[in-house]
N, C-alpha and C. Protein backbone atom coordinates (compact mmCIF):
# COMPACT_ATOMS: atom_id res chain seq x y z
N MET A 1 -3.96 14.49 -11.77
CA MET A 1 -3.29 13.63 -10.81
C MET A 1 -4.08 13.64 -9.51
N GLU A 2 -4.12 12.50 -8.90
CA GLU A 2 -4.86 12.34 -7.65
C GLU A 2 -3.90 11.88 -6.55
N PHE A 3 -3.50 12.82 -5.73
CA PHE A 3 -2.65 12.47 -4.60
C PHE A 3 -3.50 12.31 -3.35
N LYS A 4 -3.10 11.38 -2.50
CA LYS A 4 -3.81 11.17 -1.23
C LYS A 4 -3.79 12.45 -0.41
N ASN A 5 -4.80 12.60 0.44
CA ASN A 5 -4.90 13.71 1.39
C ASN A 5 -4.88 15.08 0.72
N ASN A 6 -5.33 15.13 -0.54
CA ASN A 6 -5.32 16.40 -1.31
C ASN A 6 -3.94 17.04 -1.36
N LEU A 7 -2.92 16.23 -1.31
CA LEU A 7 -1.55 16.73 -1.32
C LEU A 7 -1.23 17.51 -2.59
N GLY A 8 -1.88 17.16 -3.68
CA GLY A 8 -1.64 17.86 -4.94
C GLY A 8 -2.01 19.32 -4.88
N ASP A 9 -2.88 19.70 -3.96
CA ASP A 9 -3.32 21.09 -3.82
C ASP A 9 -2.49 21.87 -2.81
N MET A 10 -1.40 21.28 -2.33
CA MET A 10 -0.50 21.97 -1.40
C MET A 10 0.67 22.59 -2.16
N ALA A 11 1.14 23.73 -1.68
CA ALA A 11 2.34 24.35 -2.25
C ALA A 11 3.53 23.43 -2.03
N ILE A 12 4.42 23.39 -3.02
CA ILE A 12 5.56 22.48 -2.96
C ILE A 12 6.42 22.73 -1.72
N GLN A 13 6.55 23.97 -1.28
CA GLN A 13 7.34 24.25 -0.07
C GLN A 13 6.71 23.61 1.16
N ASP A 14 5.39 23.58 1.22
CA ASP A 14 4.71 22.94 2.35
C ASP A 14 4.82 21.42 2.27
N VAL A 15 4.75 20.89 1.06
CA VAL A 15 4.92 19.44 0.87
C VAL A 15 6.31 19.03 1.35
N MET A 16 7.33 19.79 0.93
CA MET A 16 8.71 19.45 1.31
C MET A 16 8.94 19.57 2.81
N GLN A 17 8.29 20.53 3.43
CA GLN A 17 8.45 20.70 4.87
C GLN A 17 7.79 19.55 5.62
N THR A 18 6.64 19.13 5.15
CA THR A 18 5.89 18.06 5.83
C THR A 18 6.41 16.68 5.46
N TYR A 19 6.75 16.49 4.20
CA TYR A 19 7.18 15.18 3.69
C TYR A 19 8.47 15.33 2.87
N PRO A 20 9.60 15.54 3.50
CA PRO A 20 10.85 15.75 2.75
C PRO A 20 11.21 14.59 1.82
N GLU A 21 10.75 13.39 2.13
CA GLU A 21 11.06 12.23 1.30
C GLU A 21 10.45 12.35 -0.09
N ILE A 22 9.37 13.13 -0.23
CA ILE A 22 8.77 13.31 -1.54
C ILE A 22 9.74 14.05 -2.46
N GLY A 23 10.60 14.87 -1.89
CA GLY A 23 11.64 15.53 -2.68
C GLY A 23 12.55 14.53 -3.36
N ASP A 24 12.85 13.42 -2.70
CA ASP A 24 13.68 12.38 -3.30
C ASP A 24 12.98 11.77 -4.51
N ILE A 25 11.67 11.56 -4.39
CA ILE A 25 10.90 11.01 -5.51
C ILE A 25 10.96 11.98 -6.69
N LEU A 26 10.70 13.25 -6.44
CA LEU A 26 10.72 14.24 -7.52
C LEU A 26 12.11 14.37 -8.14
N ASN A 27 13.13 14.33 -7.32
CA ASN A 27 14.51 14.43 -7.84
C ASN A 27 14.85 13.29 -8.78
N ARG A 28 14.32 12.10 -8.52
CA ARG A 28 14.59 10.96 -9.41
C ARG A 28 14.06 11.20 -10.81
N TYR A 29 13.09 12.07 -10.94
CA TYR A 29 12.51 12.40 -12.24
C TYR A 29 13.00 13.76 -12.74
N GLU A 30 14.07 14.24 -12.14
CA GLU A 30 14.73 15.48 -12.51
C GLU A 30 13.79 16.69 -12.43
N ILE A 31 12.94 16.69 -11.41
CA ILE A 31 12.09 17.83 -11.12
C ILE A 31 12.82 18.65 -10.06
N GLY A 32 13.36 19.78 -10.49
CA GLY A 32 14.22 20.58 -9.63
C GLY A 32 13.50 21.56 -8.73
N CYS A 33 12.19 21.47 -8.65
CA CYS A 33 11.43 22.41 -7.83
C CYS A 33 11.69 22.24 -6.34
N VAL A 34 12.29 21.16 -5.97
CA VAL A 34 12.55 20.88 -4.57
C VAL A 34 13.40 21.97 -3.93
N THR A 35 14.31 22.54 -4.69
CA THR A 35 15.20 23.56 -4.16
C THR A 35 14.72 24.98 -4.45
N CYS A 36 13.57 25.12 -5.05
CA CYS A 36 13.03 26.44 -5.39
C CYS A 36 12.82 27.25 -4.12
N LYS A 37 13.24 28.49 -4.15
CA LYS A 37 13.11 29.36 -2.98
C LYS A 37 11.73 30.01 -2.90
N VAL A 38 10.99 30.06 -4.01
CA VAL A 38 9.65 30.63 -4.00
C VAL A 38 8.68 29.58 -3.45
N GLY A 39 8.63 28.42 -4.11
CA GLY A 39 7.91 27.27 -3.58
C GLY A 39 6.41 27.38 -3.46
N ILE A 40 5.78 28.24 -4.27
CA ILE A 40 4.32 28.40 -4.13
C ILE A 40 3.54 27.57 -5.14
N CYS A 41 4.21 26.93 -6.08
CA CYS A 41 3.52 26.07 -7.05
C CYS A 41 2.90 24.88 -6.31
N LEU A 42 1.74 24.47 -6.78
CA LEU A 42 1.10 23.30 -6.19
C LEU A 42 1.80 22.04 -6.66
N LEU A 43 1.81 21.02 -5.82
CA LEU A 43 2.47 19.76 -6.17
C LEU A 43 1.97 19.23 -7.49
N LYS A 44 0.66 19.22 -7.71
CA LYS A 44 0.12 18.67 -8.95
C LYS A 44 0.62 19.45 -10.17
N ASP A 45 0.83 20.75 -10.02
CA ASP A 45 1.33 21.57 -11.12
C ASP A 45 2.82 21.34 -11.34
N VAL A 46 3.54 21.17 -10.27
CA VAL A 46 4.98 20.92 -10.36
C VAL A 46 5.22 19.68 -11.20
N VAL A 47 4.43 18.65 -11.00
CA VAL A 47 4.61 17.42 -11.75
C VAL A 47 4.17 17.62 -13.20
N SER A 48 3.03 18.26 -13.41
CA SER A 48 2.48 18.34 -14.76
C SER A 48 3.21 19.30 -15.69
N ILE A 49 3.85 20.34 -15.18
CA ILE A 49 4.48 21.34 -16.06
C ILE A 49 5.86 20.96 -16.55
N HIS A 50 6.39 19.85 -16.12
CA HIS A 50 7.75 19.48 -16.50
C HIS A 50 7.83 18.63 -17.77
N GLY A 51 6.74 18.48 -18.47
CA GLY A 51 6.77 17.80 -19.75
C GLY A 51 7.14 16.33 -19.67
N LEU A 52 6.81 15.71 -18.57
CA LEU A 52 7.08 14.28 -18.43
C LEU A 52 6.06 13.48 -19.22
N SER A 53 6.41 12.27 -19.53
CA SER A 53 5.45 11.40 -20.20
C SER A 53 4.32 11.06 -19.22
N LYS A 54 3.19 10.68 -19.77
CA LYS A 54 2.06 10.27 -18.92
C LYS A 54 2.46 9.09 -18.05
N ASP A 55 3.32 8.23 -18.57
CA ASP A 55 3.80 7.08 -17.81
C ASP A 55 4.60 7.53 -16.60
N ASP A 56 5.51 8.49 -16.79
CA ASP A 56 6.31 9.00 -15.67
C ASP A 56 5.43 9.73 -14.66
N GLU A 57 4.46 10.50 -15.14
CA GLU A 57 3.54 11.18 -14.22
C GLU A 57 2.79 10.16 -13.37
N ALA A 58 2.35 9.07 -14.01
CA ALA A 58 1.64 8.02 -13.27
C ALA A 58 2.56 7.35 -12.25
N LYS A 59 3.83 7.17 -12.61
CA LYS A 59 4.79 6.57 -11.68
C LYS A 59 5.00 7.46 -10.46
N ILE A 60 5.12 8.78 -10.70
CA ILE A 60 5.30 9.71 -9.59
C ILE A 60 4.08 9.67 -8.68
N GLU A 61 2.91 9.71 -9.28
CA GLU A 61 1.67 9.66 -8.50
C GLU A 61 1.63 8.39 -7.65
N LEU A 62 1.94 7.26 -8.25
CA LEU A 62 1.94 5.99 -7.53
C LEU A 62 2.98 5.98 -6.41
N GLU A 63 4.19 6.45 -6.70
CA GLU A 63 5.25 6.45 -5.69
C GLU A 63 4.89 7.33 -4.50
N ILE A 64 4.35 8.51 -4.77
CA ILE A 64 3.97 9.42 -3.68
C ILE A 64 2.83 8.83 -2.87
N ASN A 65 1.82 8.31 -3.54
CA ASN A 65 0.69 7.72 -2.81
C ASN A 65 1.10 6.48 -2.03
N THR A 66 2.00 5.69 -2.58
CA THR A 66 2.51 4.51 -1.86
C THR A 66 3.29 4.96 -0.63
N TYR A 67 4.13 5.98 -0.79
CA TYR A 67 4.88 6.52 0.35
C TYR A 67 3.92 6.98 1.45
N LEU A 68 2.87 7.71 1.08
CA LEU A 68 1.91 8.20 2.07
C LEU A 68 1.20 7.05 2.76
N THR A 69 0.84 6.02 2.00
CA THR A 69 0.18 4.86 2.59
C THR A 69 1.10 4.16 3.60
N GLU A 70 2.38 4.02 3.22
CA GLU A 70 3.34 3.37 4.12
C GLU A 70 3.56 4.18 5.39
N LYS A 71 3.38 5.49 5.32
CA LYS A 71 3.50 6.35 6.50
C LYS A 71 2.23 6.34 7.34
N GLY A 72 1.19 5.67 6.82
CA GLY A 72 -0.07 5.62 7.56
C GLY A 72 -0.95 6.82 7.32
N GLU A 73 -0.71 7.51 6.23
CA GLU A 73 -1.50 8.72 5.91
C GLU A 73 -2.74 8.35 5.12
């Protein structure tokens, strides 16, 4: 997965702190890592380890990158 600004290489807790709206995107795909108290998994791993279809993974990637573009990132 290729997220803008190397976001995929950030820990999910840091992603949520910086971009809380990304949590809404992940929740729509039933990725419950948003509420994880450890939060050290990388965003790219959080998406890939949940056994989603390649189509859903591509949708998440597109939604997150579109969100970042709309924010001017």
